[in-house]
Protein backbone atom coordinates (compact mmCIF):
# COMPACT_ATOMS: atom_id res chain seq x y z
CA MET A 1 91.31 109.31 33.52
CA GLY A 2 91.62 106.51 35.98
CA GLY A 3 90.90 102.94 35.22
CA ILE A 4 87.82 101.25 36.61
CA PHE A 5 89.81 98.42 38.20
CA LYS A 6 92.57 100.42 39.88
CA GLN A 7 91.56 102.82 42.62
CA ASP A 8 93.63 104.99 44.90
CA THR A 9 93.62 104.12 48.60
CA PRO A 10 91.82 106.64 50.79
CA PRO A 11 93.99 108.87 53.01
CA ARG A 12 94.57 107.71 56.59
CA ASP A 13 92.68 109.48 59.34
CA ASP A 14 94.90 109.35 62.44
CA THR A 15 92.38 111.01 64.76
CA LEU A 16 89.74 108.47 63.82
CA GLU A 17 92.17 105.60 64.37
CA LYS A 18 93.12 106.97 67.82
CA GLN A 19 89.45 107.31 68.73
CA MET A 20 88.68 103.77 67.58
CA GLU A 21 91.67 102.43 69.54
CA ALA A 22 90.50 104.22 72.70
CA GLU A 23 86.96 102.86 72.27
CA ARG A 24 88.32 99.34 71.70
CA LEU A 25 90.45 99.52 74.86
CA ALA A 26 87.49 100.81 76.89
CA GLU A 27 85.31 97.98 75.58
CA GLU A 28 87.99 95.40 76.41
CA GLU A 29 88.26 96.77 79.97
CA ARG A 30 84.49 96.67 80.39
CA SER A 31 84.36 93.15 79.01
CA ALA A 32 87.15 91.99 81.33
CA ALA A 33 85.38 93.50 84.36
CA LEU A 34 82.12 91.84 83.37
CA GLU A 35 83.85 88.49 82.88
CA ALA A 36 85.53 88.80 86.30
CA ALA A 37 82.17 89.53 87.94
CA ASN A 38 80.57 86.54 86.20
CA GLN A 39 83.43 84.27 87.28
CA LYS A 40 83.15 85.51 90.87
CA ARG A 41 79.42 84.76 90.88
CA LYS A 42 79.96 81.30 89.40
CA ASN A 43 82.54 80.53 92.10
CA LYS A 44 80.14 81.62 94.84
CA ILE A 45 77.35 79.48 93.40
CA ALA A 46 79.70 76.50 93.15
CA ARG A 47 80.78 76.91 96.79
CA GLY A 48 77.17 77.25 97.95
CA ILE A 49 77.48 80.78 99.28
CA ILE A 50 74.69 82.07 97.06
CA GLY A 51 71.96 80.21 95.29
CA GLN A 52 68.50 78.77 95.72
CA ARG A 53 69.44 76.31 98.47
CA SER A 54 72.18 78.28 100.20
CA LEU A 55 72.41 78.03 103.98
CA PHE A 56 73.75 81.58 104.24
CA GLY A 57 71.70 84.73 104.65
CA GLN A 58 69.16 85.48 101.99
CA ALA A 59 66.42 88.03 101.63
CA GLY A 60 63.18 87.11 103.36
CA GLY A 61 64.80 85.43 106.36
CA ARG A 62 65.61 82.14 104.68
CA GLY A 63 68.89 80.54 105.53
CA PHE A 64 70.44 78.87 108.50
CA PHE A 65 73.65 80.84 109.05
CA GLY A 66 72.39 84.32 108.20
């Protein structure tokens, strides 16, 4: 009989660990792509290329240089 305070560690599941690693890498890639897109948009807003008061082409015919 085993003691109540000492328990054996469960066996390792290599296929599950490989699957979790692949999912983690895919999520990191997606996160990096999303962060790059957000940074690109922030840079465009800061330079005035896009935004509410941009002078470049916008939908509806607003804009001076569009």
